[in-house]
Protein backbone atom coordinates (compact mmCIF):
# COMPACT_ATOMS: atom_id res chain seq x y z
CA MET A 1 25.14 15.31 -61.03
CA THR A 2 23.98 17.42 -63.77
CA PRO A 3 26.22 18.54 -66.44
CA GLU A 4 26.80 21.70 -67.37
CA ALA A 5 24.22 22.55 -69.90
CA THR A 6 21.29 24.92 -70.43
CA ILE A 7 18.88 23.63 -67.22
CA THR A 8 15.36 24.02 -67.38
CA GLU A 9 14.42 25.79 -63.70
CA ASP A 10 11.87 24.16 -61.51
CA PRO A 11 10.00 26.80 -59.38
CA ALA A 12 9.77 24.28 -56.74
CA VAL A 13 13.55 23.96 -56.45
CA ARG A 14 15.90 27.17 -55.54
CA TRP A 15 19.51 26.62 -56.66
CA PHE A 16 22.19 28.02 -54.29
CA HIS A 17 25.64 29.37 -55.11
CA ILE A 18 28.30 27.37 -53.26
CA CYS A 19 31.87 28.48 -54.63
CA SER A 20 33.91 28.20 -57.17
CA TYR A 21 34.91 24.89 -59.20
CA ALA A 22 38.25 25.57 -59.17
CA ASP A 23 38.09 25.94 -55.31
CA LEU A 24 37.10 22.75 -54.65
CA ILE A 25 40.13 20.64 -54.61
CA PRO A 26 39.79 17.16 -55.79
CA GLU A 27 38.88 14.39 -53.55
CA ARG A 28 38.17 16.85 -50.71
CA GLY A 29 34.83 17.93 -49.21
CA VAL A 30 33.48 21.30 -48.07
CA CYS A 31 30.76 22.22 -45.82
CA ALA A 32 28.39 24.93 -47.01
CA MET A 33 25.46 26.28 -44.60
CA VAL A 34 22.34 26.44 -47.51
CA ASP A 35 19.39 28.11 -46.18
CA GLY A 36 19.98 26.68 -42.99
CA THR A 37 21.01 23.37 -43.98
CA GLN A 38 24.53 22.06 -43.74
CA VAL A 39 25.82 20.36 -46.87
CA ALA A 40 28.89 18.60 -47.79
CA VAL A 41 29.93 19.14 -51.26
CA PHE A 42 32.49 17.02 -53.00
CA ARG A 43 34.47 16.87 -56.27
CA VAL A 44 35.78 13.35 -57.03
CA PHE A 45 38.79 13.14 -59.52
CA ASP A 46 37.21 12.31 -62.47
CA GLY A 47 35.59 16.28 -61.92
CA GLY A 48 32.21 14.90 -60.90
CA LEU A 49 30.04 16.79 -58.14
CA HIS A 50 27.96 15.16 -55.64
CA ALA A 51 26.12 17.09 -52.68
CA LEU A 52 24.86 15.36 -49.52
CA SER A 53 24.11 15.99 -45.86
CA ASN A 54 26.44 16.85 -43.88
CA LEU A 55 24.99 15.08 -40.60
CA ASP A 56 26.50 11.68 -39.77
CA PRO A 57 23.51 9.70 -38.72
CA PHE A 58 25.65 7.50 -36.45
CA SER A 59 27.19 9.96 -34.22
CA GLY A 60 25.20 13.27 -34.59
CA ALA A 61 28.21 15.20 -35.72
CA TYR A 62 28.00 17.29 -38.50
CA VAL A 63 31.28 16.04 -40.09
CA LEU A 64 30.83 14.06 -43.39
CA SER A 65 32.48 17.00 -45.45
CA ARG A 66 35.98 15.74 -43.26
CA GLY A 67 35.67 11.97 -44.43
CA ILE A 68 37.33 10.11 -47.01
CA LEU A 69 36.62 9.59 -50.40
CA GLY A 70 36.94 6.29 -51.98
CA THR A 71 35.10 4.04 -54.10
CA ARG A 72 33.41 0.13 -53.27
CA ASN A 73 33.01 -1.93 -55.58
CA GLY A 74 32.97 0.82 -58.31
CA THR A 75 30.71 2.87 -56.34
CA PRO A 76 31.96 6.47 -54.97
CA THR A 77 31.93 6.70 -51.40
CA ILE A 78 32.53 8.92 -48.19
CA ALA A 79 33.54 7.02 -45.19
CA SER A 80 32.45 9.11 -42.23
CA PRO A 81 35.80 10.39 -39.62
CA MET A 82 33.55 9.49 -36.57
CA TYR A 83 32.78 5.58 -36.78
CA LYS A 84 33.62 5.04 -40.54
CA GLN A 85 30.75 3.93 -41.74
CA VAL A 86 30.91 4.32 -45.98
CA PHE A 87 27.82 6.05 -47.76
CA ASP A 88 27.01 5.95 -51.52
CA LEU A 89 27.90 9.46 -52.73
CA ARG A 90 25.26 9.11 -55.61
CA THR A 91 22.02 7.82 -53.51
CA GLY A 92 23.27 8.31 -49.67
CA VAL A 93 22.61 4.73 -48.78
CA CYS A 94 24.87 3.53 -45.87
CA LEU A 95 26.59 0.21 -47.52
CA ASP A 96 27.27 -0.80 -43.83
CA ASP A 97 23.73 -0.68 -42.78
CA PRO A 98 21.20 -0.17 -45.85
CA ARG A 99 18.50 1.19 -43.42
CA VAL A 100 20.40 4.14 -42.96
CA ALA A 101 20.37 6.84 -45.97
CA LEU A 102 21.78 10.75 -45.82
CA PRO A 103 19.45 13.25 -47.82
CA VAL A 104 21.47 13.95 -51.16
CA PHE A 105 20.96 17.05 -52.96
CA PRO A 106 20.86 18.47 -56.29
CA VAL A 107 24.07 19.89 -57.46
CA ARG A 108 25.51 21.51 -60.76
CA ARG A 109 28.12 23.42 -62.74
CA ALA A 110 27.27 26.78 -64.05
CA GLY A 111 30.29 27.97 -65.37
CA ASP A 112 32.94 28.35 -63.15
CA ARG A 113 30.10 28.23 -60.23
CA VAL A 114 29.18 25.10 -58.26
CA GLU A 115 25.57 25.59 -57.07
CA VAL A 116 23.62 23.15 -54.60
CA ALA A 117 19.53 23.10 -54.77
CA LEU A 118 16.91 22.79 -52.23
CA THR A 119 13.75 21.36 -52.40
CA ASP A 120 11.12 21.89 -49.71
CA GLU A 121 12.09 18.61 -48.27
CA HIS A 122 15.23 19.52 -47.67
CA ARG A 123 14.69 22.22 -45.78
CA GLN A 124 15.15 21.83 -41.94
């Protein structure tokens, strides 16, 4: 998560407008199609933003944006609505099976806009 600030642009990274910050309900997720990639975007209670793949690697369904936000030992998490595996919102690592991790995307607030970045490695 990058705080609202002047950000130096990296030409290898493309930022995409997702929605307005006010449209994100705290502790709820939204799904956005970003250049052909489904991204789950979350706003947590402290106002922070997180973005990761919407694909649940255990079920193969694009459902993580509908998961349940929480914490485990102080770590912000998302629990899949399918089989309930829990993932670290910051790193994408599955806390129930650390061999599995979701792609995590850079996300920022630019004024009232929420933007997610894709690099070449994220494009499907």
